[in-house]
Amino acid sequence: MGWIYLVLAGLTEIGWPVGLKIAQSGQHKIAGIAMAIGFMAISGTLLFLAQRTIPLGTAYAVWTGIGAAGTFLVGICFFGDASSLLRYVGVMLIVGGVIVLKIAS
């Protein structure tokens, strides 16, 4: 169950930087900030639950890895962030590290 909590924590980790980006648009400032705070609370709670059975270092690395890779993809797909082969390789290295941490535990 810990790994389910951790994956969900990583996925909800994507929500708060997206909320902050939405808040920067000006029109939806309050909604974006509320979204960011809500996703922070959900993500943190799920990480807390995951750490009951998963070592701290592994849980934190997987949590931030999923959040970083997911936010990278959301930025490219929805916000026009720059993409290049080297940026994709960097994200694949992060994902590879997350996979290795899962296998190792």
Protein backbone atom coordinates (compact mmCIF):
# COMPACT_ATOMS: atom_id res chain seq x y z
CA MET A 1 0.00 0.00 0.00
CA GLY A 2 2.96 2.30 0.66
CA TRP A 3 3.95 2.34 -3.00
CA ILE A 4 0.42 3.23 -4.06
CA TYR A 5 0.46 6.15 -1.63
CA LEU A 6 3.87 7.17 -2.93
CA VAL A 7 2.90 7.13 -6.61
CA LEU A 8 -0.25 9.12 -5.82
CA ALA A 9 1.85 11.55 -3.76
CA GLY A 10 4.20 12.01 -6.71
CA LEU A 11 1.33 12.58 -9.13
CA THR A 12 -0.33 15.13 -6.85
CA GLU A 13 3.07 16.78 -6.44
CA ILE A 14 2.62 17.91 -10.06
CA GLY A 15 -0.46 19.92 -9.10
CA TRP A 16 1.11 22.59 -6.94
CA PRO A 17 3.62 24.03 -9.43
CA VAL A 18 0.83 23.97 -12.03
CA GLY A 19 -1.35 25.92 -9.59
CA LEU A 20 1.41 28.47 -9.11
CA LYS A 21 1.80 28.81 -12.89
CA ILE A 22 -1.96 29.36 -13.22
CA ALA A 23 -1.77 32.00 -10.45
CA GLN A 24 0.82 33.88 -12.51
CA SER A 25 -1.67 34.35 -15.35
CA GLY A 26 -3.35 37.12 -13.36
CA GLN A 27 -6.96 36.18 -14.10
CA HIS A 28 -7.00 33.13 -11.86
CA LYS A 29 -4.59 34.19 -9.13
CA ILE A 30 -6.68 33.11 -6.11
CA ALA A 31 -7.82 29.86 -7.75
CA GLY A 32 -4.23 28.99 -8.73
CA ILE A 33 -2.92 29.64 -5.23
CA ALA A 34 -5.77 27.63 -3.70
CA MET A 35 -5.01 24.81 -6.15
CA ALA A 36 -1.33 24.87 -5.20
CA ILE A 37 -2.08 24.78 -1.47
CA GLY A 38 -4.61 21.97 -1.90
CA PHE A 39 -2.23 19.82 -3.91
CA MET A 40 0.60 20.50 -1.44
CA ALA A 41 -1.59 19.26 1.41
CA ILE A 42 -2.72 16.15 -0.46
CA SER A 43 0.77 15.32 -1.70
CA GLY A 44 2.33 15.82 1.73
CA THR A 45 -0.30 13.67 3.41
CA LEU A 46 0.20 10.85 0.91
CA LEU A 47 3.98 11.09 1.34
CA PHE A 48 3.48 10.87 5.11
CA LEU A 49 1.44 7.70 4.66
CA ALA A 50 3.96 6.20 2.24
CA GLN A 51 6.85 6.76 4.65
CA ARG A 52 5.27 4.39 7.15
CA THR A 53 6.57 1.47 5.06
CA ILE A 54 9.09 2.99 2.63
CA PRO A 55 12.49 4.33 3.74
CA LEU A 56 12.72 8.12 3.95
CA GLY A 57 15.40 8.59 1.27
CA THR A 58 13.68 6.29 -1.20
CA ALA A 59 10.27 7.86 -0.62
CA TYR A 60 11.57 11.40 -1.02
CA ALA A 61 13.57 10.61 -4.16
CA VAL A 62 10.65 8.84 -5.83
CA TRP A 63 8.21 11.58 -4.78
CA THR A 64 10.34 14.38 -6.18
CA GLY A 65 11.26 12.34 -9.27
CA ILE A 66 7.65 11.72 -10.23
CA GLY A 67 6.82 15.35 -9.50
CA ALA A 68 9.75 16.69 -11.52
CA ALA A 69 9.18 14.45 -14.54
CA GLY A 70 5.44 15.03 -14.51
CA THR A 71 5.78 18.79 -14.15
CA PHE A 72 8.28 18.80 -17.01
CA LEU A 73 5.78 17.03 -19.28
CA VAL A 74 2.85 19.22 -18.21
CA GLY A 75 4.97 22.32 -18.89
CA ILE A 76 5.75 21.16 -22.41
CA CYS A 77 2.24 19.94 -23.23
CA PHE A 78 0.19 22.77 -21.73
CA PHE A 79 2.41 25.79 -21.12
CA GLY A 80 4.70 25.86 -24.15
CA ASP A 81 7.90 25.12 -22.22
CA ALA A 82 10.97 24.43 -24.34
CA SER A 83 11.78 20.86 -25.25
CA SER A 84 14.91 19.30 -26.66
CA LEU A 85 16.45 15.89 -26.91
CA LEU A 86 18.81 16.62 -24.01
CA ARG A 87 15.93 17.75 -21.77
CA TYR A 88 14.08 14.51 -22.52
CA VAL A 89 17.22 12.50 -21.79
CA GLY A 90 17.52 14.27 -18.44
CA VAL A 91 13.94 13.39 -17.53
CA MET A 92 14.49 9.79 -18.62
CA LEU A 93 17.47 9.63 -16.25
CA ILE A 94 15.22 10.81 -13.42
CA VAL A 95 12.59 8.20 -14.31
CA GLY A 96 15.31 5.54 -14.56
CA GLY A 97 16.53 6.45 -11.09
CA VAL A 98 13.01 6.12 -9.70
CA ILE A 99 12.69 2.68 -11.29
CA VAL A 100 16.01 1.57 -9.81
CA LEU A 101 14.92 2.76 -6.35
CA LYS A 102 11.70 0.74 -6.67
CA ILE A 103 13.59 -2.38 -7.76
CA ALA A 104 16.17 -1.96 -4.99
CA SER A 105 13.57 -1.80 -2.26
